[in-house]
C-alpha atoms as a PDB file:
ATOM      1  CA  MET A   1      49.137  42.085  57.425  1.00  0.00           C
ATOM      2  CA  ASP A   2      52.053  40.561  59.254  1.00  0.00           C
ATOM      3  CA  ASN A   3      51.261  36.837  59.291  1.00  0.00           C
ATOM      4  CA  ALA A   4      54.261  36.059  61.502  1.00  0.00           C
ATOM      5  CA  ARG A   5      52.298  36.848  64.645  1.00  0.00           C
ATOM      6  CA  PHE A   6      49.963  33.940  63.881  1.00  0.00           C
ATOM      7  CA  ALA A   7      52.771  31.474  63.147  1.00  0.00           C
ATOM      8  CA  ASP A   8      52.294  29.568  66.408  1.00  0.00           C
ATOM      9  CA  THR A   9      48.495  29.818  66.478  1.00  0.00           C
ATOM     10  CA  ASN A  10      46.572  26.731  65.442  1.00  0.00           C
ATOM     11  CA  ASP A  11      43.446  26.835  63.305  1.00  0.00           C
ATOM     12  CA  GLN A  12      40.998  26.299  66.150  1.00  0.00           C
ATOM     13  CA  ASP A  13      42.506  29.137  68.177  1.00  0.00           C
ATOM     14  CA  LEU A  14      42.424  31.371  65.110  1.00  0.00           C
ATOM     15  CA  LEU A  15      38.723  30.683  64.684  1.00  0.00           C
ATOM     16  CA  ALA A  16      38.145  31.410  68.363  1.00  0.00           C
ATOM     17  CA  GLN A  17      40.066  34.678  68.038  1.00  0.00           C
ATOM     18  CA  HIS A  18      37.918  35.605  65.050  1.00  0.00           C
ATOM     19  CA  VAL A  19      34.766  34.978  67.081  1.00  0.00           C
ATOM     20  CA  ALA A  20      36.234  37.101  69.898  1.00  0.00           C
ATOM     21  CA  GLY A  21      36.738  40.002  67.495  1.00  0.00           C
ATOM     22  CA  GLU A  22      40.342  39.686  66.263  1.00  0.00           C
ATOM     23  CA  PRO A  23      40.118  41.397  62.829  1.00  0.00           C
ATOM     24  CA  ASP A  24      42.930  39.486  61.126  1.00  0.00           C
ATOM     25  CA  ALA A  25      42.343  35.961  62.413  1.00  0.00           C
ATOM     26  CA  PHE A  26      39.909  34.820  59.747  1.00  0.00           C
ATOM     27  CA  GLY A  27      42.107  36.268  57.023  1.00  0.00           C
ATOM     28  CA  GLU A  28      44.939  34.045  58.251  1.00  0.00           C
ATOM     29  CA  LEU A  29      42.643  31.001  58.062  1.00  0.00           C
ATOM     30  CA  VAL A  30      41.773  31.950  54.492  1.00  0.00           C
ATOM     31  CA  ARG A  31      45.450  32.311  53.628  1.00  0.00           C
ATOM     32  CA  ARG A  32      46.252  28.855  55.039  1.00  0.00           C
ATOM     33  CA  HIS A  33      43.432  26.904  53.415  1.00  0.00           C
ATOM     34  CA  ARG A  34      42.286  28.843  50.367  1.00  0.00           C
ATOM     35  CA  ASP A  35      44.405  26.960  47.818  1.00  0.00           C
ATOM     36  CA  ARG A  36      43.033  23.531  48.744  1.00  0.00           C
ATOM     37  CA  LEU A  37      39.471  24.827  48.958  1.00  0.00           C
ATOM     38  CA  TRP A  38      39.913  26.345  45.518  1.00  0.00           C
ATOM     39  CA  ALA A  39      41.315  23.095  44.080  1.00  0.00           C
ATOM     40  CA  VAL A  40      38.396  21.090  45.463  1.00  0.00           C
ATOM     41  CA  ALA A  41      35.846  23.596  44.158  1.00  0.00           C
ATOM     42  CA  LEU A  42      37.398  23.777  40.694  1.00  0.00           C
ATOM     43  CA  ARG A  43      37.593  20.026  40.293  1.00  0.00           C
ATOM     44  CA  THR A  44      34.091  19.508  41.662  1.00  0.00           C
ATOM     45  CA  LEU A  45      32.440  22.107  39.459  1.00  0.00           C
ATOM     46  CA  GLY A  46      34.741  22.109  36.424  1.00  0.00           C
ATOM     47  CA  ASP A  47      34.237  25.819  35.870  1.00  0.00           C
ATOM     48  CA  ARG A  48      36.544  28.540  37.163  1.00  0.00           C
ATOM     49  CA  GLU A  49      33.857  31.173  37.628  1.00  0.00           C
ATOM     50  CA  GLU A  50      31.457  28.807  39.366  1.00  0.00           C
ATOM     51  CA  ALA A  51      34.285  27.541  41.576  1.00  0.00           C
ATOM     52  CA  ALA A  52      35.288  31.085  42.522  1.00  0.00           C
ATOM     53  CA  ASP A  53      31.693  31.898  43.446  1.00  0.00           C
ATOM     54  CA  ALA A  54      31.397  28.692  45.471  1.00  0.00           C
ATOM     55  CA  VAL A  55      34.573  29.431  47.434  1.00  0.00           C
ATOM     56  CA  GLN A  56      33.379  32.965  48.098  1.00  0.00           C
ATOM     57  CA  ASP A  57      29.984  31.688  49.265  1.00  0.00           C
ATOM     58  CA  ALA A  58      31.674  29.121  51.504  1.00  0.00           C
ATOM     59  CA  LEU A  59      34.086  31.571  53.109  1.00  0.00           C
ATOM     60  CA  ILE A  60      31.352  34.104  53.761  1.00  0.00           C
ATOM     61  CA  SER A  61      29.252  31.348  55.343  1.00  0.00           C
ATOM     62  CA  ALA A  62      32.209  30.232  57.479  1.00  0.00           C
ATOM     63  CA  PHE A  63      32.944  33.838  58.464  1.00  0.00           C
ATOM     64  CA  ARG A  64      29.385  34.294  59.684  1.00  0.00           C
ATOM     65  CA  ALA A  65      28.935  30.853  61.236  1.00  0.00           C
ATOM     66  CA  ALA A  66      32.266  30.651  63.067  1.00  0.00           C
ATOM     67  CA  HIS A  67      30.505  30.947  66.419  1.00  0.00           C
ATOM     68  CA  THR A  68      28.726  27.636  65.724  1.00  0.00           C
ATOM     69  CA  PHE A  69      31.975  25.661  65.438  1.00  0.00           C
ATOM     70  CA  ARG A  70      32.169  23.204  68.350  1.00  0.00           C
ATOM     71  CA  GLY A  71      35.529  21.570  67.689  1.00  0.00           C
ATOM     72  CA  GLN A  72      34.071  18.149  66.886  1.00  0.00           C
ATOM     73  CA  SER A  73      36.228  18.035  63.740  1.00  0.00           C
ATOM     74  CA  ALA A  74      39.303  19.860  62.491  1.00  0.00           C
ATOM     75  CA  VAL A  75      38.776  23.398  61.246  1.00  0.00           C
ATOM     76  CA  THR A  76      40.001  22.357  57.808  1.00  0.00           C
ATOM     77  CA  THR A  77      37.380  19.579  57.706  1.00  0.00           C
ATOM     78  CA  TRP A  78      34.710  22.112  58.648  1.00  0.00           C
ATOM     79  CA  LEU A  79      35.860  24.512  55.919  1.00  0.00           C
ATOM     80  CA  HIS A  80      35.970  21.750  53.310  1.00  0.00           C
ATOM     81  CA  ARG A  81      32.468  20.622  54.262  1.00  0.00           C
ATOM     82  CA  ILE A  82      31.104  24.135  53.813  1.00  0.00           C
ATOM     83  CA  THR A  83      32.919  24.458  50.480  1.00  0.00           C
ATOM     84  CA  ILE A  84      31.691  21.092  49.174  1.00  0.00           C
ATOM     85  CA  ASN A  85      28.131  21.971  50.165  1.00  0.00           C
ATOM     86  CA  ALA A  86      28.417  25.274  48.310  1.00  0.00           C
ATOM     87  CA  CYS A  87      29.714  23.399  45.255  1.00  0.00           C
ATOM     88  CA  LEU A  88      26.953  20.806  45.373  1.00  0.00           C
ATOM     89  CA  ASP A  89      24.324  23.539  45.656  1.00  0.00           C
ATOM     90  CA  ARG A  90      25.695  25.159  42.513  1.00  0.00           C
ATOM     91  CA  ALA A  91      26.011  21.829  40.700  1.00  0.00           C
ATOM     92  CA  ARG A  92      22.384  20.963  41.458  1.00  0.00           C
ATOM     93  CA  LYS A  93      21.214  24.347  40.231  1.00  0.00           C
ATOM     94  CA  ALA A  94      23.243  23.884  37.054  1.00  0.00           C
ATOM     95  CA  ALA A  95      21.734  20.424  36.546  1.00  0.00           C
ATOM     96  CA  SER A  96      18.234  21.817  36.978  1.00  0.00           C
ATOM     97  CA  ARG A  97      19.003  24.264  34.174  1.00  0.00           C
ATOM     98  CA  LYS A  98      20.252  21.302  32.112  1.00  0.00           C
ATOM     99  CA  THR A  99      23.645  22.883  31.638  1.00  0.00           C
ATOM    100  CA  SER A 100      27.013  21.144  31.669  1.00  0.00           C
ATOM    101  CA  PRO A 101      29.843  22.589  33.813  1.00  0.00           C
ATOM    102  CA  VAL A 102      32.380  21.801  31.070  1.00  0.00           C
ATOM    103  CA  ASP A 103      30.905  21.686  27.605  1.00  0.00           C
ATOM    104  CA  ASP A 104      33.394  22.943  25.031  1.00  0.00           C
ATOM    105  CA  ALA A 105      37.103  23.017  24.231  1.00  0.00           C
ATOM    106  CA  ASP A 106      37.607  26.661  25.185  1.00  0.00           C
ATOM    107  CA  ARG A 107      36.247  26.146  28.696  1.00  0.00           C
ATOM    108  CA  LEU A 108      38.277  22.971  29.127  1.00  0.00           C
ATOM    109  CA  ASP A 109      41.391  24.908  28.143  1.00  0.00           C
ATOM    110  CA  GLN A 110      40.670  27.365  30.967  1.00  0.00           C
ATOM    111  CA  LEU A 111      41.006  24.547  33.506  1.00  0.00           C
ATOM    112  CA  LEU A 112      44.658  24.023  32.579  1.00  0.00           C
ATOM    113  CA  GLU A 113      47.033  26.429  34.233  1.00  0.00           C
ATOM    114  CA  PRO A 114      49.165  28.605  31.907  1.00  0.00           C
ATOM    115  CA  HIS A 115      52.360  26.687  32.700  1.00  0.00           C
ATOM    116  CA  GLU A 116      50.647  23.409  31.755  1.00  0.00           C
ATOM    117  CA  SER A 117      49.381  24.816  28.460  1.00  0.00           C
ATOM    118  CA  ALA A 118      52.789  26.227  27.594  1.00  0.00           C
ATOM    119  CA  GLU A 119      55.115  23.445  28.703  1.00  0.00           C
ATOM    120  CA  ALA A 120      53.292  20.125  28.951  1.00  0.00           C
ATOM    121  CA  PRO A 121      53.437  17.723  26.006  1.00  0.00           C
ATOM    122  CA  ALA A 122      50.401  17.764  23.753  1.00  0.00           C
ATOM    123  CA  GLU A 123      49.486  14.240  24.827  1.00  0.00           C
ATOM    124  CA  ARG A 124      49.374  15.252  28.482  1.00  0.00           C
ATOM    125  CA  GLN A 125      47.195  18.267  27.715  1.00  0.00           C
ATOM    126  CA  ASP A 126      44.763  16.058  25.809  1.00  0.00           C
ATOM    127  CA  LEU A 127      44.708  13.570  28.676  1.00  0.00           C
ATOM    128  CA  HIS A 128      43.902  16.282  31.205  1.00  0.00           C
ATOM    129  CA  ARG A 129      41.096  17.631  29.053  1.00  0.00           C
ATOM    130  CA  GLU A 130      39.516  14.212  28.674  1.00  0.00           C
ATOM    131  CA  LEU A 131      39.803  13.434  32.384  1.00  0.00           C
ATOM    132  CA  LEU A 132      38.187  16.713  33.359  1.00  0.00           C
ATOM    133  CA  ALA A 133      35.457  16.342  30.752  1.00  0.00           C
ATOM    134  CA  ALA A 134      34.667  12.807  31.957  1.00  0.00           C
ATOM    135  CA  LEU A 135      34.612  13.905  35.605  1.00  0.00           C
ATOM    136  CA  ALA A 136      32.173  16.700  34.736  1.00  0.00           C
ATOM    137  CA  ARG A 137      29.661  14.137  33.431  1.00  0.00           C
ATOM    138  CA  LEU A 138      29.291  12.451  36.820  1.00  0.00           C
ATOM    139  CA  PRO A 139      26.508  13.279  39.288  1.00  0.00           C
ATOM    140  CA  ALA A 140      27.655  16.010  41.665  1.00  0.00           C
ATOM    141  CA  GLU A 141      27.791  13.747  44.743  1.00  0.00           C
ATOM    142  CA  GLN A 142      29.950  11.136  42.999  1.00  0.00           C
ATOM    143  CA  ARG A 143      32.188  13.858  41.586  1.00  0.00           C
ATOM    144  CA  ALA A 144      32.732  15.393  45.028  1.00  0.00           C
ATOM    145  CA  ALA A 145      33.645  12.028  46.570  1.00  0.00           C
ATOM    146  CA  LEU A 146      36.130  11.223  43.806  1.00  0.00           C
ATOM    147  CA  VAL A 147      37.687  14.684  43.962  1.00  0.00           C
ATOM    148  CA  LEU A 148      38.328  14.309  47.694  1.00  0.00           C
ATOM    149  CA  VAL A 149      39.467  10.665  47.741  1.00  0.00           C
ATOM    150  CA  ASP A 150      41.166  10.052  44.399  1.00  0.00           C
ATOM    151  CA  MET A 151      42.340  13.528  43.416  1.00  0.00           C
ATOM    152  CA  GLN A 152      42.989  15.322  46.721  1.00  0.00           C
ATOM    153  CA  GLY A 153      44.156  12.161  48.494  1.00  0.00           C
ATOM    154  CA  TYR A 154      41.881  12.270  51.535  1.00  0.00           C
ATOM    155  CA  PRO A 155      41.283   8.992  53.387  1.00  0.00           C
ATOM    156  CA  VAL A 156      37.712   7.756  53.042  1.00  0.00           C
ATOM    157  CA  ALA A 157      36.992   8.493  56.704  1.00  0.00           C
ATOM    158  CA  GLU A 158      38.107  12.108  56.351  1.00  0.00           C
ATOM    159  CA  ALA A 159      36.138  12.527  53.116  1.00  0.00           C
ATOM    160  CA  ALA A 160      33.091  11.188  54.962  1.00  0.00           C
ATOM    161  CA  ARG A 161      33.530  13.816  57.671  1.00  0.00           C
ATOM    162  CA  ILE A 162      33.859  16.557  55.054  1.00  0.00           C
ATOM    163  CA  LEU A 163      30.777  15.375  53.152  1.00  0.00           C
ATOM    164  CA  ASP A 164      28.933  14.633  56.404  1.00  0.00           C
ATOM    165  CA  VAL A 165      27.906  11.153  55.248  1.00  0.00           C
ATOM    166  CA  PRO A 166      28.808   7.612  56.405  1.00  0.00           C
ATOM    167  CA  THR A 167      32.051   6.110  55.137  1.00  0.00           C
ATOM    168  CA  GLY A 168      30.047   3.479  53.308  1.00  0.00           C
ATOM    169  CA  THR A 169      28.317   6.207  51.327  1.00  0.00           C
ATOM    170  CA  VAL A 170      31.659   7.669  50.273  1.00  0.00           C
ATOM    171  CA  LYS A 171      32.887   4.227  49.211  1.00  0.00           C
ATOM    172  CA  SER A 172      29.685   3.635  47.266  1.00  0.00           C
ATOM    173  CA  ARG A 173      29.851   7.008  45.521  1.00  0.00           C
ATOM    174  CA  CYS A 174      33.499   6.472  44.612  1.00  0.00           C
ATOM    175  CA  ALA A 175      32.815   2.971  43.307  1.00  0.00           C
ATOM    176  CA  ARG A 176      29.886   4.133  41.213  1.00  0.00           C
ATOM    177  CA  GLY A 177      31.802   7.134  39.949  1.00  0.00           C
ATOM    178  CA  ARG A 178      34.800   5.020  38.974  1.00  0.00           C
ATOM    179  CA  ALA A 179      32.524   2.513  37.238  1.00  0.00           C
ATOM    180  CA  ARG A 180      31.004   5.316  35.180  1.00  0.00           C
ATOM    181  CA  LEU A 181      34.415   6.759  34.363  1.00  0.00           C
ATOM    182  CA  VAL A 182      35.948   3.484  33.176  1.00  0.00           C
ATOM    183  CA  PRO A 183      34.156   3.310  29.805  1.00  0.00           C
ATOM    184  CA  MET A 184      34.814   6.998  29.212  1.00  0.00           C
ATOM    185  CA  LEU A 185      38.546   6.653  29.933  1.00  0.00           C
ATOM    186  CA  ALA A 186      39.231   3.100  28.778  1.00  0.00           C
ATOM    187  CA  HIS A 187      40.830   4.300  25.548  1.00  0.00           C
ATOM    188  CA  LEU A 188      43.315   6.340  27.635  1.00  0.00           C
ATOM    189  CA  ARG A 189      44.244   3.503  29.985  1.00  0.00           C
ATOM    190  CA  GLY A 190      44.093   0.541  27.643  1.00  0.00           C
ATOM    191  CA  ASP A 191      42.439  -1.417  30.441  1.00  0.00           C
ATOM    192  CA  ALA A 192      38.663  -1.252  30.428  1.00  0.00           C
ATOM    193  CA  GLY A 193      38.378  -3.861  33.163  1.00  0.00           C
ATOM    194  CA  ASP A 194      40.123  -1.945  35.922  1.00  0.00           C
ATOM    195  CA  SER A 195      37.826   0.266  37.991  1.00  0.00           C
ATOM    196  CA  GLY A 196      40.371   1.043  40.692  1.00  0.00           C
ATOM    197  CA  GLY A 197      41.533   4.456  41.902  1.00  0.00           C
ATOM    198  CA  PHE A 198      40.713   7.170  39.390  1.00  0.00           C
ATOM    199  CA  ALA A 199      43.604   9.567  39.808  1.00  0.00           C
ATOM    200  CA  ALA A 200      46.428  10.620  42.088  1.00  0.00           C
ATOM    201  CA  GLY A 201      45.680  10.020  45.730  1.00  0.00           C
ATOM    202  CA  ARG A 202      46.201   7.615  48.586  1.00  0.00           C
ATOM    203  CA  ASN A 203      43.893   5.052  46.937  1.00  0.00           C
ATOM    204  CA  ARG A 204      45.608   5.227  43.547  1.00  0.00           C
ATOM    205  CA  THR A 205      46.192   2.350  41.204  1.00  0.00           C
ATOM    206  CA  GLN A 206      48.013   2.827  37.906  1.00  0.00           C
ATOM    207  CA  ALA A 207      46.001   5.638  36.383  1.00  0.00           C
ATOM    208  CA  PRO A 208      46.675   9.023  34.809  1.00  0.00           C
ATOM    209  CA  SER A 209      46.698  11.975  37.152  1.00  0.00           C
ATOM    210  CA  VAL A 210      45.215  15.422  36.887  1.00  0.00           C
ATOM    211  CA  PRO A 211      47.495  18.404  37.584  1.00  0.00           C
ATOM    212  CA  PRO A 212      46.830  20.305  40.806  1.00  0.00           C
ATOM    213  CA  ALA A 213      44.796  23.452  40.343  1.00  0.00           C
ATOM    214  CA  ALA A 214      46.513  26.676  41.330  1.00  0.00           C
ATOM    215  CA  GLY A 215      45.020  28.649  44.180  1.00  0.00           C
ATOM    216  CA  PRO A 216      43.592  32.133  43.970  1.00  0.00           C
ATOM    217  CA  ARG A 217      45.877  35.138  44.049  1.00  0.00           C
ATOM    218  CA  ASP A 218      47.055  36.098  47.495  1.00  0.00           C
ATOM    219  CA  ALA A 219      45.344  39.422  47.983  1.00  0.00           C
ATOM    220  CA  GLY A 220      42.944  40.870  50.487  1.00  0.00           C
ATOM    221  CA  VAL A 221      42.746  37.862  52.762  1.00  0.00           C
ATOM    222  CA  ASN A 222      41.075  39.886  55.503  1.00  0.00           C
ATOM    223  CA  ASP A 223      37.909  39.803  53.395  1.00  0.00           C
ATOM    224  CA  PRO A 224      36.506  36.286  52.848  1.00  0.00           C
ATOM    225  CA  ALA A 225      35.170  37.439  49.501  1.00  0.00           C
ATOM    226  CA  ALA A 226      38.756  38.048  48.328  1.00  0.00           C
ATOM    227  CA  ALA A 227      39.113  34.409  47.360  1.00  0.00           C
ATOM    228  CA  LYS A 228      36.647  34.985  44.543  1.00  0.00           C
ATOM    229  CA  GLY A 229      39.045  37.219  42.705  1.00  0.00           C
ATOM    230  CA  GLY A 230      41.706  34.535  42.787  1.00  0.00           C
ATOM    231  CA  GLY A 231      39.525  32.046  40.995  1.00  0.00           C
ATOM    232  CA  GLY A 232      40.833  33.062  37.634  1.00  0.00           C
ATOM    233  CA  ARG A 233      38.500  35.904  36.768  1.00  0.00           C
ATOM    234  CA  SER A 234      39.848  38.817  34.873  1.00  0.00           C
END
């Protein structure tokens, strides 16, 4: 598909074109936003396969529900909300089965991109593994809030719109999540008393950061299910 013809088309108009029957419009939306949706899903769920399934579920839902979009928020906020909801659904189901999204070294290794595993110092790799393992131990709602605010850098107000909760709820979830992370990460920071920003983001204090997750492979964007294949499956 020649994406150049959509270069001057904003997201809301693309969604409207999709609703009107333009066959390539939704694929362009997927191309624009898939990487960030994938990063949020991976960090929220801590499992590449679960994240890929969540992104696929979210994009299929968005594809089918596009006619319900009323423009009360940005299209990207709407897509993130659908993706977070898909992630939380999967996290709750996993919790009900008493399974952990990240529970052994091999699966933690899968969360590091190949270039990180090959080139990053051993200390940085260990740090990333411990951060991801600690994040995976949080309740799903706290994890989602921290991923958006502290790792993806969204302002609290925008995270609240994505999660469809009051800003105070986002602040509370972040505060509780950070408080639970502090004892798990104190040995990495050397400062058990600081419960400030967890990782890279607009609300950051001095804290280690987690590397950005790579997006799915750029193939078949006309089909919302194509994002699943980019989630690292082979």
